[in-house]
Protein backbone atom coordinates (compact mmCIF):
# COMPACT_ATOMS: atom_id res chain seq x y z
CA MET A 1 80.99 122.71 364.99
CA HIS A 2 81.61 126.28 364.31
CA ILE A 3 82.66 128.77 367.14
CA LEU A 4 83.00 132.32 366.73
CA HIS A 5 85.01 133.89 369.63
CA HIS A 6 86.30 137.39 370.12
CA LYS A 7 89.26 138.14 372.62
CA VAL A 8 91.39 141.23 373.10
CA ILE A 9 94.91 139.90 372.70
CA ASP A 10 98.08 142.13 372.31
CA CYS A 11 100.27 140.31 369.95
CA SER A 12 102.22 143.46 368.78
CA SER A 13 105.44 141.97 370.24
CA MET A 14 105.30 138.76 368.09
CA THR A 15 104.44 137.60 364.56
CA PRO A 16 100.90 136.53 363.67
CA VAL A 17 102.34 133.01 363.46
CA ALA A 18 103.57 133.06 367.02
CA CYS A 19 100.16 134.52 368.08
CA SER A 20 98.36 131.68 366.26
CA ASP A 21 100.62 129.24 367.87
CA LEU A 22 99.87 130.43 371.29
CA LEU A 23 96.12 129.89 370.56
CA LEU A 24 96.81 126.49 369.30
CA VAL A 25 98.55 125.56 372.68
CA LYS A 26 95.43 126.91 374.58
CA LEU A 27 93.30 124.81 372.33
CA LEU A 28 95.42 121.73 373.29
CA HIS A 29 96.41 121.19 369.66
CA GLY A 30 98.37 117.81 369.29
CA PRO A 31 98.22 114.33 367.99
CA THR A 32 94.78 113.59 369.35
CA PHE A 33 93.33 116.97 368.57
CA LYS A 34 95.10 118.41 365.44
CA LEU A 35 93.79 121.75 364.33
CA ARG A 36 96.60 122.49 361.75
CA ALA A 37 97.91 120.50 358.96
CA ASP A 38 101.68 120.49 359.03
CA MET A 39 101.84 118.34 355.94
CA PRO A 40 99.40 118.15 353.16
CA THR A 41 98.22 114.63 353.99
CA ASP A 42 98.01 115.07 357.74
CA THR A 43 94.76 113.88 359.64
CA VAL A 44 93.19 116.96 361.29
CA HIS A 45 90.28 117.27 363.61
CA GLY A 46 89.47 120.88 362.81
CA SER A 47 90.85 124.45 361.85
CA VAL A 48 91.42 127.75 363.34
CA THR A 49 91.23 131.02 361.55
CA ILE A 50 92.18 134.34 363.14
CA ALA A 51 91.74 137.87 362.37
CA HIS A 52 94.57 139.55 364.13
CA ASN A 53 93.24 143.10 365.40
CA THR A 54 95.02 145.52 367.52
CA PRO A 55 93.68 146.34 370.89
CA PRO A 56 91.28 147.73 371.85
CA ASN A 57 89.59 145.81 368.98
CA PRO A 58 89.37 141.98 369.80
CA HIS A 59 90.97 139.29 367.79
CA GLU A 60 88.16 137.29 365.79
CA ILE A 61 88.87 133.66 366.29
CA ILE A 62 86.93 130.94 364.48
CA VAL A 63 87.26 127.42 365.52
CA GLU A 64 85.84 124.59 363.38
CA ILE A 65 85.69 121.05 364.66
CA TYR A 66 84.90 118.35 362.22
CA GLU A 67 81.77 116.37 363.12
CA VAL A 68 82.14 113.66 360.28
CA ASP A 69 85.08 111.82 358.93
CA GLU A 70 86.00 112.73 355.37
CA PRO A 71 88.78 111.24 353.17
CA PRO A 72 90.98 113.36 351.14
CA ALA A 73 89.24 115.09 348.26
CA PRO A 74 90.28 117.16 345.29
CA ASN A 75 90.02 120.32 347.44
CA HIS A 76 92.05 118.98 350.34
CA HIS A 77 94.67 116.22 350.69
CA SER A 78 94.10 115.97 354.33
CA THR A 79 91.89 113.42 356.14
CA LEU A 80 89.27 115.25 358.10
CA LYS A 81 88.40 113.35 361.29
CA ARG A 82 86.03 113.77 364.09
CA PRO A 83 87.85 113.92 367.51
CA ALA A 84 87.29 111.50 370.14
CA PRO A 85 86.03 112.56 372.49
CA MET A 86 84.27 115.55 370.84
CA PRO A 87 84.98 118.66 372.92
CA SER A 88 82.06 120.88 373.81
CA GLU A 89 81.68 124.51 372.87
CA ALA A 90 81.97 125.55 376.28
CA ALA A 91 85.22 123.74 376.80
CA ILE A 92 86.67 125.40 373.57
CA ARG A 93 85.54 128.70 374.77
CA ALA A 94 87.02 128.34 378.29
CA ARG A 95 90.41 127.21 376.72
CA LEU A 96 90.25 130.41 374.46
CA ASP A 97 89.63 132.57 377.67
CA LEU A 98 92.81 131.32 379.51
CA PRO A 99 95.28 134.04 380.12
């Protein structure tokens, strides 16, 4: 599942990494819904890509949730795994819209 979401976020007082960490918290990133590999061999359930724009331009946030399991491959060492339960697109968007 690919979700493109736009949101005006003022992250001028923080680094882009801190801004992305805040978005991961909103998305409930954790052991059962991992959206970032911290180690090359982690199991992940999706990914987040962010274009950090300055207000009034919105950030462009792309959330990808893996729909099928995939073992490590030459182009990635992580295991890609479908989350259980699979969140809905509406639930992901609602989390991103939280203040």
